[in-house]
Protein backbone atom coordinates (compact mmCIF):
# COMPACT_ATOMS: atom_id res chain seq x y z
CA MET A 1 12.44 15.29 -21.01
CA PRO A 2 13.54 12.10 -22.81
CA ASN A 3 13.16 12.02 -26.59
CA GLU A 4 10.49 9.78 -28.17
CA ILE A 5 12.69 6.66 -28.24
CA GLU A 6 13.83 7.17 -24.65
CA LEU A 7 10.23 7.80 -23.56
CA LEU A 8 9.09 4.52 -25.13
CA ASP A 9 11.99 2.66 -23.49
CA LEU A 10 11.10 4.18 -20.11
CA LEU A 11 7.40 3.32 -20.34
CA LEU A 12 8.09 -0.27 -21.40
CA LYS A 13 10.65 -0.69 -18.62
CA ASN A 14 8.15 0.62 -16.06
CA ARG A 15 5.71 -2.06 -17.21
CA GLY A 16 8.25 -4.83 -16.89
CA ILE A 17 8.32 -5.51 -20.65
CA LYS A 18 11.61 -7.20 -21.52
CA THR A 19 13.49 -6.38 -24.73
CA GLU A 20 12.56 -9.74 -26.29
CA ASP A 21 8.83 -9.13 -25.56
CA ARG A 22 8.65 -5.58 -26.93
CA GLU A 23 7.41 -6.49 -30.41
CA LYS A 24 4.75 -8.82 -29.02
CA PHE A 25 3.52 -6.10 -26.64
CA LEU A 26 3.57 -3.17 -29.09
CA ASN A 27 2.06 -5.09 -32.00
CA PRO A 28 -0.39 -7.66 -30.61
CA SER A 29 -0.97 -10.58 -32.99
CA TYR A 30 -4.16 -12.64 -33.01
CA GLU A 31 -2.42 -15.65 -34.55
CA LYS A 32 0.75 -15.52 -32.42
CA GLY A 33 -0.62 -13.88 -29.26
CA LEU A 34 -3.34 -16.38 -28.34
CA TYR A 35 -2.64 -19.76 -26.80
CA ASP A 36 -4.07 -23.09 -27.92
CA PRO A 37 -7.39 -23.33 -26.00
CA PHE A 38 -6.85 -27.07 -25.52
CA LEU A 39 -3.97 -26.27 -23.14
CA MET A 40 -6.71 -25.45 -20.61
CA LYS A 41 -7.56 -28.35 -18.31
CA ASP A 42 -10.88 -30.09 -19.22
CA MET A 43 -11.24 -28.14 -22.49
CA GLU A 44 -11.35 -31.28 -24.63
CA ARG A 45 -13.89 -32.86 -22.29
CA ALA A 46 -16.09 -29.73 -22.27
CA VAL A 47 -15.98 -29.33 -26.05
CA VAL A 48 -16.89 -32.98 -26.74
CA ARG A 49 -19.78 -32.83 -24.24
CA ILE A 50 -21.21 -29.67 -25.87
CA PHE A 51 -20.88 -31.26 -29.33
CA GLU A 52 -22.74 -34.36 -28.15
CA ALA A 53 -25.49 -32.21 -26.61
CA VAL A 54 -25.93 -30.31 -29.86
CA GLU A 55 -26.00 -33.54 -31.90
CA VAL A 56 -28.91 -35.05 -29.96
CA LYS A 57 -30.61 -31.68 -29.37
CA GLU A 58 -30.34 -31.74 -25.58
CA LYS A 59 -31.67 -28.82 -23.57
CA ILE A 60 -28.70 -26.56 -22.73
CA LEU A 61 -28.85 -23.79 -20.16
CA ILE A 62 -26.31 -20.94 -20.09
CA TYR A 63 -26.04 -19.51 -16.56
CA SER A 64 -23.95 -16.34 -16.26
CA ASP A 65 -23.18 -13.63 -13.76
CA TYR A 66 -25.13 -10.35 -13.96
CA ASP A 67 -22.16 -8.03 -14.46
CA CYS A 68 -20.10 -6.66 -17.34
CA ASP A 69 -18.11 -9.90 -17.52
CA GLY A 70 -20.83 -12.52 -17.19
CA ILE A 71 -23.32 -10.87 -19.54
CA PRO A 72 -20.86 -10.55 -22.47
CA ALA A 73 -19.87 -14.20 -21.81
CA SER A 74 -23.50 -15.28 -22.21
CA VAL A 75 -23.72 -13.22 -25.43
CA ILE A 76 -20.65 -15.06 -26.78
CA MET A 77 -22.35 -18.44 -26.25
CA HIS A 78 -25.71 -17.16 -27.52
CA ASP A 79 -24.13 -15.90 -30.74
CA PHE A 80 -22.15 -19.12 -31.18
CA PHE A 81 -25.24 -21.32 -30.89
CA ASN A 82 -27.10 -19.05 -33.32
CA LYS A 83 -24.17 -19.30 -35.72
CA ILE A 84 -24.37 -23.11 -35.83
CA GLY A 85 -28.19 -23.01 -36.01
CA TYR A 86 -28.77 -24.56 -32.59
CA GLU A 87 -32.02 -23.48 -30.89
CA ASN A 88 -32.59 -25.71 -27.84
CA PHE A 89 -30.79 -23.47 -25.36
CA SER A 90 -31.76 -20.70 -22.97
CA ILE A 91 -30.05 -17.97 -20.97
CA TYR A 92 -30.38 -17.55 -17.20
CA ILE A 93 -28.91 -14.55 -15.37
CA PRO A 94 -29.67 -14.39 -11.63
CA ASP A 95 -31.24 -11.26 -10.15
CA ARG A 96 -28.64 -9.23 -8.24
CA HIS A 97 -31.12 -8.25 -5.51
CA ASP A 98 -33.43 -11.28 -5.14
CA GLU A 99 -30.84 -14.02 -5.70
CA GLY A 100 -27.40 -12.47 -5.44
CA TYR A 101 -24.15 -13.67 -6.97
CA GLY A 102 -23.53 -17.31 -7.85
CA LEU A 103 -25.20 -20.60 -8.69
CA HIS A 104 -28.30 -21.04 -6.49
CA MET A 105 -30.05 -24.20 -5.26
CA GLU A 106 -33.51 -22.80 -6.01
CA ALA A 107 -32.47 -22.21 -9.63
CA ILE A 108 -31.04 -25.77 -9.82
CA GLU A 109 -34.38 -27.15 -8.60
CA ASN A 110 -36.15 -25.22 -11.37
CA PHE A 111 -33.72 -26.56 -13.99
CA ILE A 112 -34.40 -30.12 -12.80
CA GLU A 113 -38.14 -29.51 -13.25
CA GLN A 114 -37.48 -28.05 -16.73
CA GLU A 115 -35.49 -31.20 -17.62
CA VAL A 116 -32.32 -29.34 -18.50
CA ASP A 117 -29.63 -31.76 -19.76
CA LEU A 118 -26.51 -29.57 -19.75
CA LEU A 119 -25.79 -26.55 -17.56
CA ILE A 120 -22.85 -24.29 -18.49
CA THR A 121 -21.85 -21.53 -16.06
CA PHE A 122 -19.92 -18.38 -16.95
CA ASP A 123 -18.01 -16.13 -14.53
CA LEU A 124 -19.29 -18.12 -11.54
CA GLY A 125 -19.70 -21.62 -10.12
CA ILE A 126 -16.20 -22.48 -8.92
CA THR A 127 -17.36 -22.43 -5.26
CA ALA A 128 -20.83 -23.96 -5.89
CA LEU A 129 -20.08 -27.37 -4.35
CA GLU A 130 -23.59 -28.36 -3.12
CA GLU A 131 -25.42 -26.92 -6.11
CA THR A 132 -23.22 -28.83 -8.55
CA VAL A 133 -23.72 -32.11 -6.67
CA ALA A 134 -27.51 -31.58 -6.71
CA ALA A 135 -27.54 -30.90 -10.46
CA GLN A 136 -25.27 -33.82 -11.35
CA ALA A 137 -27.27 -36.19 -9.10
CA ALA A 138 -30.45 -35.21 -10.93
CA GLY A 139 -28.90 -36.02 -14.32
CA ILE A 140 -27.85 -32.49 -15.33
CA ASP A 141 -24.23 -32.41 -16.49
CA VAL A 142 -22.51 -29.24 -15.29
CA ILE A 143 -19.67 -27.50 -17.10
CA ILE A 144 -18.25 -24.71 -14.95
CA THR A 145 -16.32 -21.89 -16.60
CA ASP A 146 -15.00 -19.37 -14.11
CA HIS A 147 -11.91 -17.29 -13.37
CA HIS A 148 -12.30 -16.82 -9.64
CA ILE A 149 -10.14 -18.61 -7.08
CA PRO A 150 -11.50 -22.03 -6.00
CA SER A 151 -12.56 -22.42 -2.35
CA GLU A 152 -10.42 -24.17 0.24
CA GLN A 153 -13.06 -26.93 0.37
CA GLY A 154 -11.99 -28.04 -3.10
CA LEU A 155 -13.51 -28.07 -6.58
CA PRO A 156 -17.13 -28.81 -7.47
CA LYS A 157 -17.82 -32.35 -8.74
CA ALA A 158 -18.71 -31.01 -12.18
CA TYR A 159 -18.56 -32.81 -15.52
CA ALA A 160 -15.83 -30.36 -16.59
CA ILE A 161 -14.22 -27.23 -15.15
CA LEU A 162 -12.58 -24.52 -17.24
CA ASN A 163 -10.62 -22.28 -14.89
CA PRO A 164 -6.89 -21.55 -15.36
CA LYS A 165 -6.62 -20.96 -11.58
CA GLN A 166 -7.61 -24.53 -10.67
CA GLU A 167 -4.92 -26.92 -9.51
CA GLY A 168 -3.45 -29.00 -12.31
CA CYS A 169 -4.28 -26.52 -15.09
CA SER A 170 -1.16 -25.63 -17.07
CA TYR A 171 -2.80 -22.93 -19.20
CA PRO A 172 -0.14 -20.19 -19.69
CA ASP A 173 -2.36 -17.20 -18.86
CA LYS A 174 -4.03 -17.47 -15.46
CA MET A 175 -5.63 -14.01 -15.60
CA LEU A 176 -8.39 -14.31 -18.20
CA CYS A 177 -11.79 -12.89 -17.26
CA GLY A 178 -15.01 -14.91 -17.45
CA ALA A 179 -15.84 -13.83 -21.00
CA GLY A 180 -12.22 -14.49 -21.98
CA ILE A 181 -12.72 -18.12 -20.97
CA ALA A 182 -16.05 -18.19 -22.86
CA PHE A 183 -14.18 -16.97 -25.93
CA LYS A 184 -11.55 -19.71 -25.52
CA LEU A 185 -14.34 -22.29 -25.29
CA VAL A 186 -15.88 -21.10 -28.58
CA GLN A 187 -12.43 -20.93 -30.16
CA ALA A 188 -11.92 -24.59 -29.20
CA LEU A 189 -15.38 -25.63 -30.44
CA ILE A 190 -14.77 -24.03 -33.84
CA ALA A 191 -11.24 -25.44 -34.10
CA LYS A 192 -12.52 -28.98 -33.47
CA TYR A 193 -15.95 -29.01 -35.10
CA GLY A 194 -16.15 -25.86 -37.25
CA GLU A 195 -15.74 -27.79 -40.48
CA TYR A 196 -18.52 -30.20 -39.44
CA TRP A 197 -20.84 -27.27 -38.67
CA LYS A 198 -19.81 -25.60 -41.93
CA ILE A 199 -18.52 -22.44 -40.27
CA ASN A 200 -15.25 -20.85 -41.25
CA LYS A 201 -12.16 -21.22 -39.12
CA GLY A 202 -11.53 -17.91 -37.37
CA SER A 203 -15.21 -16.87 -37.39
CA GLU A 204 -14.92 -16.57 -33.59
CA LYS A 205 -13.08 -13.29 -34.23
CA TRP A 206 -16.43 -11.51 -34.50
CA LEU A 207 -17.00 -12.42 -30.83
CA LEU A 208 -13.86 -10.56 -29.77
CA ASP A 209 -15.96 -7.46 -29.16
CA MET A 210 -17.66 -9.15 -26.19
CA ALA A 211 -14.39 -10.64 -24.92
CA GLY A 212 -12.81 -7.18 -25.22
CA VAL A 213 -15.64 -5.38 -23.40
CA ALA A 214 -15.41 -7.81 -20.48
CA THR A 215 -11.60 -7.82 -20.38
CA LEU A 216 -11.54 -4.01 -20.15
CA SER A 217 -14.49 -3.75 -17.75
CA ASP A 218 -13.47 -6.50 -15.33
CA GLN A 219 -10.05 -4.89 -14.78
CA VAL A 220 -7.98 -8.02 -15.38
CA PRO A 221 -4.32 -7.25 -16.20
CA LEU A 222 -4.00 -6.03 -19.81
CA ILE A 223 -0.89 -8.06 -20.52
CA ASN A 224 -0.29 -11.41 -22.18
CA GLU A 225 -3.46 -12.87 -23.78
CA ASN A 226 -5.74 -10.24 -22.26
CA ARG A 227 -3.90 -7.53 -24.20
CA VAL A 228 -4.67 -9.34 -27.46
CA LEU A 229 -8.36 -9.78 -26.53
CA ALA A 230 -8.71 -6.10 -25.57
CA TYR A 231 -6.74 -4.82 -28.59
CA TYR A 232 -8.72 -6.79 -31.19
CA GLY A 233 -11.92 -6.47 -29.20
CA LEU A 234 -11.76 -2.69 -29.71
CA LYS A 235 -11.16 -3.19 -33.45
CA VAL A 236 -14.28 -5.36 -33.76
CA LEU A 237 -16.31 -2.89 -31.68
CA GLN A 238 -15.27 -0.09 -34.05
CA LYS A 239 -16.91 -1.99 -36.93
CA GLY A 240 -20.31 -1.27 -35.33
CA LYS A 241 -21.78 -4.72 -35.99
CA ARG A 242 -24.10 -4.65 -32.96
CA PRO A 243 -26.97 -2.17 -33.43
CA GLY A 244 -27.54 -1.89 -29.66
CA LEU A 245 -23.97 -0.74 -29.11
CA VAL A 246 -24.14 1.69 -32.04
CA GLU A 247 -27.20 3.24 -30.38
CA ILE A 248 -25.66 3.35 -26.89
CA PHE A 249 -22.53 5.15 -28.10
CA LYS A 250 -24.52 7.45 -30.38
CA LYS A 251 -26.63 8.58 -27.40
CA ALA A 252 -23.44 9.22 -25.43
CA GLY A 253 -21.92 11.27 -28.25
CA VAL A 254 -19.17 8.73 -28.95
CA ASP A 255 -18.01 8.03 -32.50
CA ILE A 256 -17.94 4.21 -32.52
CA THR A 257 -15.38 4.14 -35.35
CA LYS A 258 -12.88 5.90 -33.03
CA LEU A 259 -13.81 3.96 -29.90
CA SER A 260 -11.19 3.80 -27.11
CA GLU A 261 -10.85 1.66 -23.99
CA GLU A 262 -12.10 4.61 -21.90
CA ASP A 263 -15.34 4.69 -23.91
CA VAL A 264 -15.88 1.05 -22.95
CA THR A 265 -15.07 1.45 -19.26
CA PHE A 266 -16.72 4.85 -18.68
CA THR A 267 -19.63 4.80 -21.13
CA LEU A 268 -20.62 1.22 -21.93
CA ALA A 269 -19.76 -0.71 -18.74
CA PRO A 270 -21.83 1.51 -16.39
CA ARG A 271 -24.86 1.08 -18.66
CA ILE A 272 -24.49 -2.71 -18.79
CA ASN A 273 -24.08 -2.84 -15.01
CA ALA A 274 -27.01 -0.45 -14.50
CA ALA A 275 -29.34 -3.20 -15.74
CA SER A 276 -28.67 -5.48 -12.74
CA ARG A 277 -28.18 -2.63 -10.27
CA MET A 278 -31.45 -0.90 -11.10
CA ALA A 279 -33.69 -3.39 -12.92
CA ASP A 280 -33.20 -6.68 -14.81
CA PRO A 281 -29.79 -7.86 -16.15
CA MET A 282 -31.55 -9.41 -19.15
CA MET A 283 -32.08 -5.85 -20.44
CA ALA A 284 -28.31 -5.58 -20.99
CA PHE A 285 -28.16 -9.05 -22.56
CA GLU A 286 -30.94 -8.14 -24.98
CA MET A 287 -29.23 -4.87 -25.95
CA LEU A 288 -25.92 -6.62 -26.67
CA SER A 289 -27.36 -9.63 -28.50
CA ALA A 290 -30.04 -7.84 -30.55
CA THR A 291 -29.67 -7.99 -34.34
CA ASP A 292 -32.87 -6.12 -35.21
CA PRO A 293 -32.27 -2.32 -35.16
CA VAL A 294 -35.75 -1.56 -33.76
CA SER A 295 -35.51 -3.87 -30.74
CA ALA A 296 -31.84 -2.90 -30.26
CA LYS A 297 -32.81 0.79 -30.10
CA ALA A 298 -35.59 0.06 -27.60
CA ALA A 299 -33.18 -1.90 -25.39
CA ALA A 300 -30.54 0.85 -25.64
CA ASP A 301 -33.14 3.49 -24.74
CA ASN A 302 -34.17 1.49 -21.67
CA LEU A 303 -30.58 1.08 -20.52
CA SER A 304 -29.82 4.76 -21.00
CA LYS A 305 -32.92 5.69 -19.01
CA ILE A 306 -32.11 3.48 -16.00
CA ASN A 307 -28.49 4.62 -16.13
CA GLU A 308 -29.68 8.21 -15.71
CA GLU A 309 -31.76 7.09 -12.72
CA ARG A 310 -28.64 5.40 -11.30
CA LYS A 311 -26.66 8.63 -11.68
CA ILE A 312 -29.27 10.57 -9.67
CA ILE A 313 -29.25 7.98 -6.86
CA VAL A 314 -25.43 7.95 -6.78
CA ALA A 315 -25.29 11.77 -6.69
CA HIS A 316 -27.66 11.87 -3.68
CA MET A 317 -25.68 9.17 -1.88
CA MET A 318 -22.34 10.89 -2.53
CA LYS A 319 -23.76 14.12 -1.14
CA GLU A 320 -24.66 12.22 2.03
CA VAL A 321 -21.20 10.56 2.15
CA LYS A 322 -19.42 13.92 1.98
CA LYS A 323 -21.66 15.37 4.69
CA VAL A 324 -20.97 12.43 7.04
CA LEU A 325 -17.21 12.38 6.39
CA SER A 326 -16.90 16.15 6.89
CA HIS A 327 -17.84 15.61 10.55
CA ARG A 328 -15.60 12.59 11.07
CA GLU A 329 -12.03 12.15 12.21
CA ASP A 330 -9.72 11.43 9.26
CA LYS A 331 -8.68 7.74 9.36
CA LYS A 332 -6.59 5.51 7.11
CA VAL A 333 -9.57 3.37 6.07
CA ILE A 334 -13.12 4.59 5.46
CA VAL A 335 -16.05 2.45 6.60
CA ILE A 336 -19.39 4.06 5.89
CA GLY A 337 -22.96 2.98 5.27
CA ASN A 338 -26.65 3.41 5.78
CA PRO A 339 -29.45 0.80 5.93
CA SER A 340 -31.33 2.89 3.35
CA TRP A 341 -28.53 2.72 0.77
CA ARG A 342 -29.24 0.59 -2.28
CA ILE A 343 -26.73 -2.28 -2.40
CA GLY A 344 -26.69 -2.37 -6.21
CA VAL A 345 -24.80 0.92 -6.42
CA LEU A 346 -22.44 0.50 -3.45
CA GLY A 347 -19.53 -0.50 -5.72
CA ILE A 348 -19.87 2.77 -7.61
CA ILE A 349 -20.01 4.74 -4.36
CA ALA A 350 -16.93 2.93 -3.04
CA SER A 351 -14.98 3.75 -6.22
CA LYS A 352 -15.98 7.41 -6.04
CA ILE A 353 -14.94 7.67 -2.38
CA VAL A 354 -11.54 6.14 -3.18
CA GLU A 355 -11.07 8.64 -6.00
CA GLU A 356 -12.01 11.55 -3.75
CA TYR A 357 -10.39 10.59 -0.43
CA LYS A 358 -7.47 8.32 -1.51
CA ARG A 359 -8.25 5.63 1.10
CA PRO A 360 -9.33 1.97 1.03
CA VAL A 361 -13.11 2.02 1.44
CA PHE A 362 -15.81 -0.30 2.82
CA VAL A 363 -19.39 0.81 2.03
CA TRP A 364 -22.47 -1.02 3.31
CA GLY A 365 -26.21 -0.93 2.83
CA SER A 366 -29.25 -3.16 3.21
CA ASP A 367 -31.61 -5.10 0.98
CA GLY A 368 -33.97 -5.90 3.86
CA SER A 369 -32.41 -9.29 4.62
CA ASP A 370 -30.91 -10.51 7.90
CA GLU A 371 -27.46 -9.25 6.89
CA LEU A 372 -26.01 -5.96 5.77
CA LYS A 373 -24.15 -6.15 2.46
CA GLY A 374 -21.33 -4.05 1.14
CA SER A 375 -18.67 -3.34 -1.44
CA CYS A 376 -15.02 -2.48 -0.88
CA ARG A 377 -12.33 -0.91 -3.03
CA SER A 378 -8.59 -0.79 -2.46
CA TYR A 379 -6.11 2.06 -2.59
CA GLY A 380 -2.32 2.03 -2.62
CA GLY A 381 -1.88 -1.66 -3.37
CA ILE A 382 -3.67 -2.97 -0.26
CA ASN A 383 -4.98 -6.53 -0.88
CA LEU A 384 -8.60 -6.49 0.29
CA VAL A 385 -9.06 -10.27 0.36
CA GLU A 386 -6.00 -10.63 2.60
CA LEU A 387 -7.22 -7.77 4.79
CA MET A 388 -10.70 -9.32 5.22
CA ASN A 389 -9.11 -12.73 5.85
CA SER A 390 -7.13 -11.17 8.72
CA LEU A 391 -10.20 -9.86 10.55
CA PRO A 392 -11.25 -11.55 13.81
CA GLU A 393 -13.71 -14.41 13.43
CA ASN A 394 -17.38 -13.35 13.11
CA SER A 395 -16.42 -9.84 11.93
CA LEU A 396 -17.96 -10.66 8.55
CA THR A 397 -20.52 -13.33 7.65
CA GLY A 398 -19.04 -13.64 4.17
CA PHE A 399 -16.70 -11.97 1.70
CA GLY A 400 -15.04 -12.44 -1.67
CA GLY A 401 -13.55 -10.70 -4.67
CA HIS A 402 -10.12 -9.66 -5.87
CA ALA A 403 -7.18 -7.79 -4.34
CA GLY A 404 -8.55 -4.45 -5.55
CA ALA A 405 -12.32 -4.88 -5.27
CA GLY A 406 -14.66 -7.09 -3.32
CA GLY A 407 -17.94 -7.64 -1.58
CA PHE A 408 -18.81 -8.53 1.99
CA SER A 409 -21.74 -9.20 4.30
CA VAL A 410 -21.91 -8.39 7.98
CA ASP A 411 -24.33 -9.00 10.83
CA HIS A 412 -26.36 -5.97 12.00
CA LYS A 413 -24.88 -6.26 15.51
CA GLU A 414 -21.28 -6.44 14.26
CA ILE A 415 -21.35 -3.44 11.90
CA HIS A 416 -20.61 -1.03 14.78
CA PHE A 417 -17.21 -2.71 15.37
CA LEU A 418 -16.18 -3.17 11.73
CA GLU A 419 -14.17 0.05 11.31
CA ASP A 420 -12.09 -0.51 14.46
CA ARG A 421 -11.40 -4.13 13.50
CA ILE A 422 -10.29 -3.18 9.99
CA LEU A 423 -8.03 -0.43 11.33
CA GLN A 424 -6.42 -2.91 13.75
CA VAL A 425 -5.38 -5.32 10.97
CA TYR A 426 -4.66 -2.63 8.37
CA GLY A 427 -0.98 -1.73 7.80
CA GLY A 428 -1.13 1.25 10.11
CA ASP A 429 2.45 2.29 9.52
CA ARG A 430 1.78 3.25 5.91
CA GLU A 431 0.98 6.92 5.49
CA VAL A 432 -1.35 8.13 2.78
CA GLU A 433 1.45 10.32 1.42
CA GLU A 434 3.62 7.24 1.01
CA ILE A 435 0.88 5.42 -0.87
CA ALA A 436 0.28 8.43 -3.12
CA HIS A 437 4.00 8.54 -3.89
CA GLU A 438 3.91 4.87 -4.93
CA GLU A 439 1.22 5.73 -7.47
CA GLY A 440 3.13 8.72 -8.75
CA ALA A 441 4.26 9.91 -12.15
CA GLU A 442 6.42 7.89 -14.53
CA ALA A 443 8.53 10.88 -15.58
CA THR A 444 8.90 14.60 -14.94
CA ILE A 445 8.28 16.58 -18.14
CA GLU A 446 7.61 20.16 -19.29
CA ILE A 447 4.57 21.79 -20.89
CA ASP A 448 6.66 22.02 -24.07
CA ASP A 449 6.65 18.20 -24.14
CA VAL A 450 2.88 18.00 -24.69
CA THR A 451 3.28 17.20 -28.38
CA SER A 452 1.68 14.96 -30.98
CA ALA A 453 4.97 13.05 -31.31
CA ASN A 454 4.97 12.16 -27.62
CA TYR A 455 1.26 11.33 -27.71
CA SER A 456 2.01 8.89 -30.57
CA VAL A 457 4.54 7.13 -28.33
CA ILE A 458 2.02 6.89 -25.48
CA GLU A 459 -0.68 5.64 -27.87
CA LYS A 460 1.50 2.66 -28.84
CA LEU A 461 0.98 1.17 -25.40
CA ALA A 462 -2.85 1.27 -25.55
CA PRO A 463 -5.26 -0.21 -24.65
CA TYR A 464 -4.73 0.79 -21.06
CA GLY A 465 -6.12 -0.70 -17.90
CA ALA A 466 -5.10 -2.85 -14.94
CA GLY A 467 -1.53 -4.07 -15.29
CA ASN A 468 -0.86 -1.52 -18.02
CA PRO A 469 -1.85 1.88 -16.60
CA LYS A 470 -2.08 4.99 -18.72
CA PRO A 471 1.25 6.86 -18.36
CA THR A 472 1.09 9.60 -15.75
CA PHE A 473 3.51 12.56 -15.77
CA LEU A 474 4.60 15.22 -13.33
CA PHE A 475 4.75 18.84 -14.54
CA LYS A 476 6.83 20.54 -11.84
CA ASP A 477 6.50 24.17 -10.75
CA ILE A 478 4.44 25.37 -13.72
CA SER A 479 2.59 28.67 -13.86
CA ILE A 480 -1.19 28.74 -14.39
CA TYR A 481 -2.06 30.83 -17.47
CA GLY A 482 -5.85 30.51 -17.30
CA VAL A 483 -8.60 29.10 -15.05
CA LYS A 484 -12.13 28.22 -16.15
CA GLU A 485 -14.98 26.31 -14.50
CA PHE A 486 -17.44 24.97 -17.04
CA GLY A 487 -20.55 22.82 -17.43
CA LYS A 488 -24.17 23.62 -16.56
CA GLU A 489 -23.38 23.57 -12.85
CA LYS A 490 -19.81 24.90 -13.26
CA ASN A 491 -18.58 21.63 -11.75
CA HIS A 492 -15.71 20.91 -14.17
CA LEU A 493 -12.30 22.58 -14.16
CA GLU A 494 -10.10 23.68 -17.07
CA LEU A 495 -6.60 25.05 -16.48
CA SER A 496 -4.38 26.36 -19.24
CA PHE A 497 -0.62 26.71 -19.45
CA LEU A 498 1.63 28.58 -21.88
CA SER A 499 4.53 26.81 -23.56
CA SER A 500 7.82 28.59 -24.31
CA LYS A 501 6.71 28.80 -27.95
CA GLY A 502 3.48 30.58 -27.08
CA LYS A 503 1.25 27.50 -27.47
CA ILE A 504 -1.63 27.12 -24.99
CA VAL A 505 -2.01 23.67 -23.42
CA LYS A 506 -5.26 22.84 -21.63
CA ALA A 507 -5.70 20.49 -18.65
CA ILE A 508 -9.15 19.18 -17.73
CA ALA A 509 -10.65 17.70 -14.55
CA PHE A 510 -14.30 16.62 -14.60
CA PHE A 511 -16.42 16.98 -11.46
CA LYS A 512 -13.67 19.06 -9.83
CA THR A 513 -13.53 22.75 -8.98
CA LYS A 514 -10.80 25.11 -7.78
CA GLU A 515 -11.76 24.23 -4.19
CA SER A 516 -11.10 20.53 -4.89
CA TYR A 517 -7.38 21.31 -4.86
CA GLY A 518 -7.16 23.45 -1.75
CA GLY A 519 -8.03 26.79 -3.33
CA LYS A 520 -4.54 27.57 -4.72
CA ILE A 521 -5.83 27.55 -8.28
CA ASN A 522 -5.43 31.12 -9.57
CA VAL A 523 -3.84 32.70 -12.62
CA GLY A 524 -0.12 33.18 -11.99
CA GLU A 525 0.07 30.56 -9.22
CA ARG A 526 2.80 27.94 -9.61
CA ILE A 527 1.73 24.33 -9.10
CA ASN A 528 2.94 20.74 -9.47
CA LEU A 529 0.56 18.99 -11.83
CA VAL A 530 0.15 15.21 -12.19
CA ALA A 531 -1.64 14.42 -15.44
CA THR A 532 -2.07 12.08 -18.40
CA PHE A 533 -2.18 12.92 -22.12
CA GLU A 534 -5.48 12.61 -23.97
CA LYS A 535 -7.03 13.50 -27.30
CA SER A 536 -10.41 15.18 -27.23
CA ILE A 537 -12.66 14.94 -30.30
CA PHE A 538 -15.52 17.43 -30.10
CA GLY A 539 -17.54 19.01 -32.87
CA GLY A 540 -15.28 17.41 -35.47
CA LYS A 541 -12.18 19.03 -33.96
CA THR A 542 -9.33 17.05 -32.39
CA GLU A 543 -7.38 18.59 -29.51
CA LEU A 544 -4.41 17.25 -27.58
CA ARG A 545 -4.76 18.12 -23.91
CA LEU A 546 -4.00 16.88 -20.40
CA ARG A 547 -6.33 15.07 -17.97
CA ILE A 548 -5.64 16.21 -14.40
CA ILE A 549 -4.95 13.37 -11.95
CA ASP A 550 -3.87 15.56 -9.04
CA ILE A 551 -2.34 18.90 -8.09
CA VAL A 552 0.32 18.49 -5.41
């Protein structure tokens, strides 16, 4: 095992952090780590237009996506307008089921009737060519803020477009999420007009919590500017300034003052997303933006309730998935679905299947429309957008997303051929074992190396996420000292190992049993364990332990 200095060097090297960038990475700086927002194309134009709208009290409409990126973005703008005392604005978040993702013509027609003057989109709009033309033609200026890739048909004819991925934008960080761009917009507004509005320079820092939540949840790479947003976003979250969030974490048994990135991605994000999956996305917006403790608690209670309902639905669906797959031939890509499956939770199902079966996954369901709709998740570095692009014409009626996660729609008649078509274009020469090896451990260490000193080294690289994964280690040929299955349904696994100094080290896997690892999990058995370090805080006690990734 390398010593602490060597371990740090190894982990930084594995992340491609050069010697000259080490300080910037290990000690993120708000002042030095964020770029001038006016480097973004159209930022000046967007900021001036918003200022003019505020000055003459025009009707402004904030239109955001319904997920854990778009909703925090809308909260950022809501809080900013409240801060400057501006009231003539409203929030619109499309219904996931009735409207679907994006800027919709029917909504534009309603905004024209409502005499909206300025429409600002968040986390969507970059492909809304017809809708933008219709709005602009009717006298509604459109400012699009988005981080998705523009379509091949070109950019919308909007008043201004904030998107680092658009052609001609020289902004240094191309990988901001939607709420990250919303934060940059507010940063620019305050830099230019903060003195006029009598708000302090730097007051946008209190909005870093929303930028941080979205940055962690949307799985953008946690390097460069995103690392700063996530790092300081967590610090603002720990202050507990939003009563709805305090309530959400309290219900989940999380101490908000010690909040980690995993608490955001595993506790908060599913509850925010549950709003649009199961009910109304405005429920999540209201919980995040509430300042009154009573209404914040009511909103948090509602979200927690529908999240529990979501869990039950997902559990039933996963039971069905496992039953179907147990009777199927093992293939390199999984395509599975059922017309009765609720499309709002397909992304969750896809992620769970990937975790369980280590394959790229395409899951489909129906909302009663003419098309089947689905979600897909990658495994082993396969680019899903490229894969879907390679399919024969008419295989899908539409698709989009990122390399690692996406959505698709398919005609009822074509669904029967989808698996074969995907397998034909998939890199068939890559074995699952090869992919698993690519995602393997960063170093081989011993049980004796599970120490507070080494955990402190690992902690320096947090927050973790896409582009900066939590360090994973291989413990080779170690003897199992103890085995315990725990939880109400005995569906969690705890293994223990004995160090050479007589110290017991625990390793935990949730929703796994001995059978999950081929039944070789018995006291005295020797195994190869792939795991990460973690600190567990329970009942006021802190324990350093391992989180099991795999047993190979």
